[in-house]
C-alpha atoms as a PDB file:
ATOM      1  CA  MET A   1     118.181 173.365 -40.559  1.00  0.00           C
ATOM      2  CA  THR A   2     115.840 172.847 -37.657  1.00  0.00           C
ATOM      3  CA  THR A   3     116.523 169.977 -35.326  1.00  0.00           C
ATOM      4  CA  SER A   4     114.551 168.768 -32.377  1.00  0.00           C
ATOM      5  CA  ARG A   5     114.527 165.694 -30.285  1.00  0.00           C
ATOM      6  CA  ARG A   6     112.172 162.916 -31.206  1.00  0.00           C
ATOM      7  CA  GLU A   7     109.163 162.742 -28.893  1.00  0.00           C
ATOM      8  CA  ARG A   8     108.844 159.837 -26.487  1.00  0.00           C
ATOM      9  CA  THR A   9     106.544 157.160 -27.926  1.00  0.00           C
ATOM     10  CA  ARG A  10     106.886 154.440 -25.271  1.00  0.00           C
ATOM     11  CA  GLU A  11     104.195 154.256 -22.628  1.00  0.00           C
ATOM     12  CA  GLN A  12     106.412 152.634 -19.978  1.00  0.00           C
ATOM     13  CA  ASP A  13     108.184 154.726 -17.368  1.00  0.00           C
ATOM     14  CA  PRO A  14     111.485 156.112 -18.657  1.00  0.00           C
ATOM     15  CA  VAL A  15     114.694 154.289 -17.744  1.00  0.00           C
ATOM     16  CA  SER A  16     117.470 156.808 -17.132  1.00  0.00           C
ATOM     17  CA  VAL A  17     120.371 154.380 -16.638  1.00  0.00           C
ATOM     18  CA  PRO A  18     121.342 151.872 -19.367  1.00  0.00           C
ATOM     19  CA  GLN A  19     120.364 148.349 -18.346  1.00  0.00           C
ATOM     20  CA  PRO A  20     122.039 145.020 -19.218  1.00  0.00           C
ATOM     21  CA  LEU A  21     120.501 143.214 -22.158  1.00  0.00           C
ATOM     22  CA  PRO A  22     119.501 139.787 -20.791  1.00  0.00           C
ATOM     23  CA  GLY A  23     121.592 136.992 -22.230  1.00  0.00           C
ATOM     24  CA  GLU A  24     123.994 139.350 -24.029  1.00  0.00           C
ATOM     25  CA  ALA A  25     127.312 139.976 -22.307  1.00  0.00           C
ATOM     26  CA  ASP A  26     128.702 143.491 -22.813  1.00  0.00           C
ATOM     27  CA  LEU A  27     125.461 144.907 -24.255  1.00  0.00           C
ATOM     28  CA  VAL A  28     123.115 147.392 -22.617  1.00  0.00           C
ATOM     29  CA  VAL A  29     119.755 148.858 -23.552  1.00  0.00           C
ATOM     30  CA  VAL A  30     119.532 152.655 -23.617  1.00  0.00           C
ATOM     31  CA  ASP A  31     116.253 154.548 -23.292  1.00  0.00           C
ATOM     32  CA  THR A  32     116.822 157.536 -25.589  1.00  0.00           C
ATOM     33  CA  THR A  33     113.898 159.827 -24.855  1.00  0.00           C
ATOM     34  CA  TRP A  34     113.882 160.492 -21.132  1.00  0.00           C
ATOM     35  CA  GLY A  35     114.702 163.845 -19.557  1.00  0.00           C
ATOM     36  CA  GLU A  36     115.683 167.171 -21.078  1.00  0.00           C
ATOM     37  CA  LEU A  37     119.084 167.812 -22.655  1.00  0.00           C
ATOM     38  CA  GLN A  38     121.463 169.826 -20.491  1.00  0.00           C
ATOM     39  CA  PRO A  39     124.072 172.313 -21.740  1.00  0.00           C
ATOM     40  CA  ILE A  40     127.754 171.431 -21.979  1.00  0.00           C
ATOM     41  CA  GLU A  41     128.638 174.476 -19.856  1.00  0.00           C
ATOM     42  CA  VAL A  42     126.403 174.248 -16.823  1.00  0.00           C
ATOM     43  CA  ALA A  43     127.718 177.476 -15.245  1.00  0.00           C
ATOM     44  CA  PRO A  44     130.557 179.936 -15.925  1.00  0.00           C
ATOM     45  CA  GLY A  45     133.859 178.729 -14.495  1.00  0.00           C
ATOM     46  CA  VAL A  46     132.709 175.159 -13.815  1.00  0.00           C
ATOM     47  CA  ARG A  47     134.656 172.656 -15.910  1.00  0.00           C
ATOM     48  CA  THR A  48     132.728 170.047 -17.868  1.00  0.00           C
ATOM     49  CA  LEU A  49     134.508 166.703 -17.989  1.00  0.00           C
ATOM     50  CA  GLY A  50     134.576 163.523 -20.015  1.00  0.00           C
ATOM     51  CA  GLU A  51     135.367 160.086 -18.632  1.00  0.00           C
ATOM     52  CA  LEU A  52     139.162 160.314 -18.941  1.00  0.00           C
ATOM     53  CA  GLU A  53     139.237 163.673 -17.155  1.00  0.00           C
ATOM     54  CA  VAL A  54     136.989 162.321 -14.391  1.00  0.00           C
ATOM     55  CA  ILE A  55     139.287 159.341 -13.870  1.00  0.00           C
ATOM     56  CA  ASP A  56     142.355 161.602 -13.842  1.00  0.00           C
ATOM     57  CA  LEU A  57     140.873 164.031 -11.302  1.00  0.00           C
ATOM     58  CA  VAL A  58     139.721 161.214  -9.019  1.00  0.00           C
ATOM     59  CA  GLN A  59     143.232 159.740  -9.132  1.00  0.00           C
ATOM     60  CA  GLN A  60     144.485 163.189  -8.089  1.00  0.00           C
ATOM     61  CA  GLY A  61     142.141 163.251  -5.078  1.00  0.00           C
ATOM     62  CA  ALA A  62     138.865 164.732  -6.339  1.00  0.00           C
ATOM     63  CA  THR A  63     135.656 163.163  -5.076  1.00  0.00           C
ATOM     64  CA  LEU A  64     132.833 161.963  -7.313  1.00  0.00           C
ATOM     65  CA  VAL A  65     129.477 163.146  -5.982  1.00  0.00           C
ATOM     66  CA  ASP A  66     126.316 161.372  -7.114  1.00  0.00           C
ATOM     67  CA  CYS A  67     123.633 164.094  -7.025  1.00  0.00           C
ATOM     68  CA  ARG A  68     120.664 161.855  -7.826  1.00  0.00           C
ATOM     69  CA  THR A  69     117.695 161.527  -5.514  1.00  0.00           C
ATOM     70  CA  ARG A  70     116.164 158.280  -4.337  1.00  0.00           C
ATOM     71  CA  GLY A  71     114.151 156.646  -7.088  1.00  0.00           C
ATOM     72  CA  SER A  72     116.586 157.521  -9.877  1.00  0.00           C
ATOM     73  CA  PHE A  73     119.490 155.137  -9.228  1.00  0.00           C
ATOM     74  CA  MET A  74     118.233 152.177 -11.269  1.00  0.00           C
ATOM     75  CA  GLY A  75     120.377 149.979  -9.006  1.00  0.00           C
ATOM     76  CA  ALA A  76     123.838 151.438  -9.685  1.00  0.00           C
ATOM     77  CA  THR A  77     126.256 154.296  -9.098  1.00  0.00           C
ATOM     78  CA  ILE A  78     129.815 155.052 -10.168  1.00  0.00           C
ATOM     79  CA  ALA A  79     132.219 153.004  -8.058  1.00  0.00           C
ATOM     80  CA  GLY A  80     133.697 155.034  -5.224  1.00  0.00           C
ATOM     81  CA  SER A  81     131.261 157.938  -5.444  1.00  0.00           C
ATOM     82  CA  VAL A  82     129.491 159.527  -2.499  1.00  0.00           C
ATOM     83  CA  LEU A  83     125.772 160.254  -2.504  1.00  0.00           C
ATOM     84  CA  ILE A  84     124.642 163.812  -1.810  1.00  0.00           C
ATOM     85  CA  PRO A  85     121.283 164.398  -3.515  1.00  0.00           C
ATOM     86  CA  HIS A  86     120.942 167.700  -5.373  1.00  0.00           C
ATOM     87  CA  ASP A  87     118.109 168.856  -3.129  1.00  0.00           C
ATOM     88  CA  GLU A  88     120.292 168.351   0.000  1.00  0.00           C
ATOM     89  CA  ILE A  89     123.628 169.566  -1.357  1.00  0.00           C
ATOM     90  CA  VAL A  90     123.607 173.127  -0.025  1.00  0.00           C
ATOM     91  CA  ASP A  91     122.820 171.946   3.507  1.00  0.00           C
ATOM     92  CA  ARG A  92     125.557 169.298   3.214  1.00  0.00           C
ATOM     93  CA  ARG A  93     128.191 171.418   1.424  1.00  0.00           C
ATOM     94  CA  ALA A  94     130.585 171.035   4.385  1.00  0.00           C
ATOM     95  CA  GLU A  95     130.949 167.384   3.275  1.00  0.00           C
ATOM     96  CA  LEU A  96     132.361 168.441  -0.103  1.00  0.00           C
ATOM     97  CA  PRO A  97     136.108 168.125  -0.670  1.00  0.00           C
ATOM     98  CA  ASP A  98     138.368 170.768  -2.223  1.00  0.00           C
ATOM     99  CA  LEU A  99     137.288 169.528  -5.663  1.00  0.00           C
ATOM    100  CA  ALA A 100     133.966 167.775  -6.204  1.00  0.00           C
ATOM    101  CA  VAL A 101     133.012 166.194  -9.536  1.00  0.00           C
ATOM    102  CA  LEU A 102     129.221 166.161  -9.631  1.00  0.00           C
ATOM    103  CA  PHE A 103     127.208 163.770 -11.790  1.00  0.00           C
ATOM    104  CA  CYS A 104     123.711 162.403 -12.209  1.00  0.00           C
ATOM    105  CA  ASN A 105     122.028 160.206 -14.825  1.00  0.00           C
ATOM    106  CA  GLY A 106     123.558 161.849 -17.883  1.00  0.00           C
ATOM    107  CA  PRO A 107     123.136 164.510 -20.536  1.00  0.00           C
ATOM    108  CA  GLN A 108     119.345 164.541 -20.144  1.00  0.00           C
ATOM    109  CA  CYS A 109     119.321 164.801 -16.356  1.00  0.00           C
ATOM    110  CA  PRO A 110     118.987 168.146 -14.524  1.00  0.00           C
ATOM    111  CA  GLN A 111     120.002 166.921 -11.047  1.00  0.00           C
ATOM    112  CA  SER A 112     123.757 167.690 -11.053  1.00  0.00           C
ATOM    113  CA  PRO A 113     123.329 170.967 -12.988  1.00  0.00           C
ATOM    114  CA  ASP A 114     120.794 171.981 -10.323  1.00  0.00           C
ATOM    115  CA  ALA A 115     123.229 171.017  -7.556  1.00  0.00           C
ATOM    116  CA  ILE A 116     126.029 173.041  -9.155  1.00  0.00           C
ATOM    117  CA  ARG A 117     123.833 176.132  -9.530  1.00  0.00           C
ATOM    118  CA  ARG A 118     122.629 175.827  -5.929  1.00  0.00           C
ATOM    119  CA  LEU A 119     126.205 175.524  -4.648  1.00  0.00           C
ATOM    120  CA  LEU A 120     127.371 178.530  -6.664  1.00  0.00           C
ATOM    121  CA  ALA A 121     124.446 180.581  -5.337  1.00  0.00           C
ATOM    122  CA  ALA A 122     125.452 179.524  -1.795  1.00  0.00           C
ATOM    123  CA  GLY A 123     128.974 180.867  -2.355  1.00  0.00           C
ATOM    124  CA  VAL A 124     130.937 177.751  -3.288  1.00  0.00           C
ATOM    125  CA  PRO A 125     133.584 178.830  -5.819  1.00  0.00           C
ATOM    126  CA  ALA A 126     133.321 177.470  -9.353  1.00  0.00           C
ATOM    127  CA  SER A 127     136.928 176.281  -9.083  1.00  0.00           C
ATOM    128  CA  ALA A 128     135.834 173.769  -6.401  1.00  0.00           C
ATOM    129  CA  LEU A 129     133.309 172.126  -8.724  1.00  0.00           C
ATOM    130  CA  ALA A 130     133.396 170.092 -11.929  1.00  0.00           C
ATOM    131  CA  TYR A 131     130.519 168.684 -13.976  1.00  0.00           C
ATOM    132  CA  TYR A 132     130.558 165.176 -15.430  1.00  0.00           C
ATOM    133  CA  ARG A 133     127.767 165.693 -17.961  1.00  0.00           C
ATOM    134  CA  GLY A 134     127.905 162.106 -19.267  1.00  0.00           C
ATOM    135  CA  GLY A 135     126.848 160.771 -15.872  1.00  0.00           C
ATOM    136  CA  MET A 136     125.588 157.236 -15.479  1.00  0.00           C
ATOM    137  CA  GLN A 137     124.442 157.087 -19.109  1.00  0.00           C
ATOM    138  CA  ASP A 138     127.929 157.478 -20.572  1.00  0.00           C
ATOM    139  CA  TRP A 139     129.738 155.751 -17.698  1.00  0.00           C
ATOM    140  CA  VAL A 140     127.736 152.542 -18.180  1.00  0.00           C
ATOM    141  CA  CYS A 141     127.928 152.745 -21.990  1.00  0.00           C
ATOM    142  CA  THR A 142     131.734 152.951 -21.822  1.00  0.00           C
ATOM    143  CA  ALA A 143     131.925 149.879 -19.528  1.00  0.00           C
ATOM    144  CA  LEU A 144     133.453 151.725 -16.581  1.00  0.00           C
ATOM    145  CA  PRO A 145     133.025 150.304 -13.056  1.00  0.00           C
ATOM    146  CA  THR A 146     129.795 150.707 -11.158  1.00  0.00           C
ATOM    147  CA  GLU A 147     128.634 149.459  -7.782  1.00  0.00           C
ATOM    148  CA  PRO A 148     125.151 148.697  -6.466  1.00  0.00           C
ATOM    149  CA  GLN A 149     123.039 151.591  -5.181  1.00  0.00           C
ATOM    150  CA  GLU A 150     119.612 150.900  -3.781  1.00  0.00           C
ATOM    151  CA  ASP A 151     116.742 153.287  -4.540  1.00  0.00           C
END
């Protein structure tokens, strides 16, 4: 069987973060055809996490790092995260804690995978990094807390 993603048919700019459906509490609209799917394993030795593992690691002291660049926030970030854009992360690696959980807009977004690969190439050990592949897409769709982030 051959499978491929459906091509984008909308003419509007893609929306990478699910947005509230006006007048409908607890419902969001998801744009399904933006970006390019990313692998589950972004790099050897870097753990890929789901929401429960992210929450557990943060409770244990890990830091969530939002790797998105300006213009891709769509007004929100994961509550308590710090912003270090993927294209600045190597220069700012001294700001990273012992364990950083990197995320971006979700499974179609290359920003946190790029950040992880850059950090590994700069000598940061894989054991100091984790990848939350679900990113904002899955975080919002599972009704977990966000906070405002201006573009």
